[in-house]
Amino acid sequence: MLLLAFTALGRPASASPPPHTPVSRPAQDTVNRLMSPGIVQERPRTTARDDAAIVQAIEHKIKCTCGCGLDVFTCRTTDFTCTTSPAMHRAVLARLDSAMTAEQVVSAFEGQYGQSILMQPPRRGFNWAAYVMPFAALVAGLALLSWLMRRWVRSPRPGDRAVGETPAADLGTPSADAELQRLQRELEGFEA
């Protein structure tokens, strides 16, 4: 609202918004050329089967091989210039049509392309390190930190005394005995 007020202040009162200007002929030709079937890929309409939950689940698990780094579902629904993700989508549908389960379809893609096709490394073999090591390192770091802090808090520094602590050498001196007697007399005076 405030932005609109400042914008209105900068404009003269008699100025009206510019009338709609038609797109120039060369600009329209450029748009038409870019929209031609040879430039932008025309895709078939999506059906309910294309967006079925099982298809989405499978396509979210496998990576598009076009190099974008996205999963197949995201690539085929956002990057309309990619020709790889629609082909992989058709392969997913064909494998589902051949009575394969979702796990079998993902395993077939893994067998064809290797583990690099998977969006997440499988939880087996050496790949467990990718899942376990961050937590193990965190626990080890916290244990080391707590051990160091306990050691740091408990260890006395040379020359430090605890509150109320009197060194043994000072207890037997005449001035210490006199001070103790004076304190006892003062305490007896308060009790009476």
Protein backbone atom coordinates (compact mmCIF):
# COMPACT_ATOMS: atom_id res chain seq x y z
CA MET A 1 0.00 0.00 0.00
CA LEU A 2 2.80 2.38 0.97
CA LEU A 3 4.68 1.47 -2.19
CA LEU A 4 1.63 2.39 -4.29
CA ALA A 5 1.44 5.77 -2.56
CA PHE A 6 5.09 6.53 -3.31
CA THR A 7 4.64 5.40 -6.90
CA ALA A 8 1.63 7.69 -7.30
CA LEU A 9 3.58 10.62 -5.84
CA GLY A 10 6.28 10.28 -8.49
CA ARG A 11 3.77 10.46 -11.36
CA PRO A 12 2.14 13.70 -12.49
CA ALA A 13 -1.56 13.90 -11.64
CA SER A 14 -2.64 14.24 -15.26
CA ALA A 15 -0.66 11.23 -16.45
CA SER A 16 -2.73 8.23 -17.32
CA PRO A 17 -1.38 4.75 -17.85
CA PRO A 18 -0.16 4.16 -21.40
CA PRO A 19 -2.66 2.50 -23.70
CA HIS A 20 -2.08 -1.13 -24.60
CA THR A 21 0.32 -1.26 -27.47
CA PRO A 22 0.15 -4.23 -29.80
CA VAL A 23 3.22 -6.39 -30.17
CA SER A 24 5.29 -5.35 -33.15
CA ARG A 25 5.34 -7.61 -36.17
CA PRO A 26 9.04 -8.66 -35.82
CA ALA A 27 8.52 -9.54 -32.14
CA GLN A 28 5.42 -11.57 -32.99
CA ASP A 29 7.35 -13.43 -35.69
CA THR A 30 10.04 -14.31 -33.16
CA VAL A 31 7.43 -15.67 -30.74
CA ASN A 32 5.79 -17.70 -33.50
CA ARG A 33 9.13 -19.12 -34.62
CA LEU A 34 10.02 -20.12 -31.05
CA MET A 35 6.65 -21.74 -30.55
CA SER A 36 6.96 -23.86 -33.67
CA PRO A 37 6.97 -27.65 -33.14
CA GLY A 38 10.63 -27.94 -34.11
CA ILE A 39 11.83 -25.63 -31.32
CA VAL A 40 9.57 -26.42 -28.37
CA GLN A 41 8.73 -30.03 -27.86
CA GLU A 42 5.04 -30.73 -27.99
CA ARG A 43 4.14 -33.19 -25.30
CA PRO A 44 1.12 -35.43 -25.23
CA ARG A 45 -1.50 -34.60 -22.67
CA THR A 46 -0.94 -36.18 -19.29
CA THR A 47 -3.40 -38.77 -18.13
CA ALA A 48 -4.39 -39.85 -14.66
CA ARG A 49 -2.06 -42.82 -15.08
CA ASP A 50 0.91 -40.50 -15.76
CA ASP A 51 0.41 -38.87 -12.38
CA ALA A 52 -0.58 -42.01 -10.44
CA ALA A 53 0.94 -42.32 -6.97
CA ILE A 54 2.96 -45.43 -7.86
CA VAL A 55 4.41 -43.75 -10.97
CA GLN A 56 5.34 -40.65 -8.97
CA ALA A 57 6.91 -42.76 -6.21
CA ILE A 58 9.07 -44.64 -8.72
CA GLU A 59 10.05 -41.53 -10.65
CA HIS A 60 11.01 -39.69 -7.44
CA LYS A 61 13.46 -42.51 -6.67
CA ILE A 62 15.33 -42.46 -10.00
CA LYS A 63 17.46 -39.65 -11.41
CA CYS A 64 17.01 -38.24 -14.90
CA THR A 65 20.05 -39.03 -17.02
CA CYS A 66 19.97 -35.72 -18.93
CA GLY A 67 22.41 -34.25 -16.40
CA CYS A 68 20.01 -31.92 -14.61
CA GLY A 69 20.32 -33.80 -11.29
CA LEU A 70 16.55 -33.88 -10.78
CA ASP A 71 14.41 -36.94 -10.36
CA VAL A 72 12.48 -38.10 -13.42
CA PHE A 73 9.09 -36.83 -12.23
CA THR A 74 10.37 -33.32 -11.44
CA CYS A 75 12.35 -33.12 -14.67
CA ARG A 76 9.48 -34.22 -16.88
CA THR A 77 6.98 -31.88 -15.22
CA THR A 78 9.20 -28.77 -15.10
CA ASP A 79 11.81 -28.95 -17.90
CA PHE A 80 9.83 -29.05 -21.12
CA THR A 81 12.95 -29.06 -23.30
CA CYS A 82 14.26 -32.34 -21.86
CA THR A 83 13.68 -35.34 -24.10
CA THR A 84 15.24 -37.82 -21.67
CA SER A 85 12.69 -37.67 -18.86
CA PRO A 86 9.65 -38.42 -21.08
CA ALA A 87 11.51 -41.44 -22.48
CA MET A 88 12.33 -42.63 -18.97
CA HIS A 89 8.69 -42.04 -17.99
CA ARG A 90 7.57 -44.24 -20.88
CA ALA A 91 10.05 -46.91 -19.72
CA VAL A 92 8.57 -46.77 -16.20
CA LEU A 93 5.06 -47.17 -17.62
CA ALA A 94 6.16 -50.04 -19.87
CA ARG A 95 7.77 -51.88 -16.96
CA LEU A 96 4.67 -51.37 -14.83
CA ASP A 97 2.57 -52.73 -17.72
CA SER A 98 4.75 -55.86 -17.75
CA ALA A 99 3.49 -56.65 -14.22
CA MET A 100 6.62 -55.47 -12.39
CA THR A 101 6.28 -54.09 -8.87
CA ALA A 102 7.63 -50.66 -7.95
CA GLU A 103 10.72 -52.20 -6.32
CA GLN A 104 11.37 -54.32 -9.40
CA VAL A 105 11.12 -51.27 -11.67
CA VAL A 106 13.64 -49.34 -9.55
CA SER A 107 15.91 -52.42 -9.45
CA ALA A 108 15.68 -52.74 -13.25
CA PHE A 109 16.80 -49.13 -13.67
CA GLU A 110 19.60 -49.72 -11.15
CA GLY A 111 20.68 -52.81 -13.08
CA GLN A 112 20.66 -50.86 -16.35
CA TYR A 113 22.39 -47.64 -15.18
CA GLY A 114 24.08 -48.60 -11.89
CA GLN A 115 23.62 -47.04 -8.47
CA SER A 116 24.17 -43.56 -9.90
CA ILE A 117 20.59 -43.62 -11.22
CA LEU A 118 19.19 -43.65 -7.67
CA MET A 119 18.37 -40.38 -5.93
CA GLN A 120 19.51 -41.89 -2.59
CA PRO A 121 22.19 -44.52 -2.08
CA PRO A 122 20.67 -47.86 -1.08
CA ARG A 123 20.93 -48.80 2.59
CA ARG A 124 23.17 -51.79 2.10
CA GLY A 125 26.87 -52.58 1.98
CA PHE A 126 29.33 -49.73 2.19
CA ASN A 127 26.54 -47.21 1.59
CA TRP A 128 25.52 -47.60 5.24
CA ALA A 129 28.49 -45.33 6.01
CA ALA A 130 26.66 -42.45 4.32
CA TYR A 131 23.76 -42.92 6.73
CA VAL A 132 25.63 -43.85 9.93
CA MET A 133 28.86 -41.82 9.87
CA PRO A 134 27.36 -38.34 10.39
CA PHE A 135 25.55 -39.50 13.53
CA ALA A 136 28.54 -41.48 14.78
CA ALA A 137 30.81 -38.46 14.28
CA LEU A 138 28.33 -36.25 16.12
CA VAL A 139 28.12 -38.64 19.09
CA ALA A 140 31.91 -39.04 19.21
CA GLY A 141 32.41 -35.26 19.04
CA LEU A 142 29.89 -34.65 21.84
CA ALA A 143 31.53 -37.33 24.00
CA LEU A 144 34.98 -35.83 23.44
CA LEU A 145 33.69 -32.33 24.17
CA SER A 146 31.99 -33.39 27.43
CA TRP A 147 35.11 -35.29 28.55
CA LEU A 148 37.30 -32.24 27.85
CA MET A 149 34.90 -29.89 29.63
CA ARG A 150 34.71 -32.13 32.74
CA ARG A 151 38.46 -32.37 32.79
CA TRP A 152 38.81 -28.62 32.38
CA VAL A 153 36.30 -27.82 35.15
CA ARG A 154 37.67 -30.36 37.68
CA SER A 155 41.37 -29.70 37.28
CA PRO A 156 42.65 -27.05 39.72
CA ARG A 157 45.07 -24.48 38.42
CA PRO A 158 48.36 -23.97 40.21
CA GLY A 159 48.00 -21.30 42.90
CA ASP A 160 44.17 -21.43 42.96
CA ARG A 161 42.36 -22.12 46.24
CA ALA A 162 38.78 -23.14 46.72
CA VAL A 163 36.47 -20.67 48.49
CA GLY A 164 36.97 -20.88 52.27
CA GLU A 165 39.99 -23.11 51.94
CA THR A 166 42.96 -22.21 54.10
CA PRO A 167 46.34 -23.69 53.30
CA ALA A 168 47.63 -26.13 55.93
CA ALA A 169 50.76 -24.04 56.46
CA ASP A 170 48.67 -21.01 57.53
CA LEU A 171 46.64 -22.89 60.20
CA GLY A 172 49.42 -23.26 62.72
CA THR A 173 50.68 -19.68 62.70
CA PRO A 174 50.15 -17.39 65.70
CA SER A 175 48.24 -14.83 63.63
CA ALA A 176 45.79 -17.50 62.47
CA ASP A 177 45.20 -18.69 66.05
CA ALA A 178 44.61 -15.14 67.21
CA GLU A 179 42.17 -14.53 64.39
CA LEU A 180 40.20 -17.69 65.24
CA GLN A 181 39.97 -16.66 68.90
CA ARG A 182 38.77 -13.17 67.93
CA LEU A 183 36.06 -14.64 65.67
CA GLN A 184 34.89 -17.00 68.45
CA ARG A 185 34.61 -14.08 70.90
CA GLU A 186 32.54 -12.10 68.40
CA LEU A 187 30.23 -15.06 67.80
CA GLU A 188 29.71 -15.54 71.56
CA GLY A 189 28.85 -11.85 71.82
CA PHE A 190 26.07 -12.26 69.24
CA GLU A 191 24.63 -15.34 70.98
CA ALA A 192 24.18 -13.59 74.29
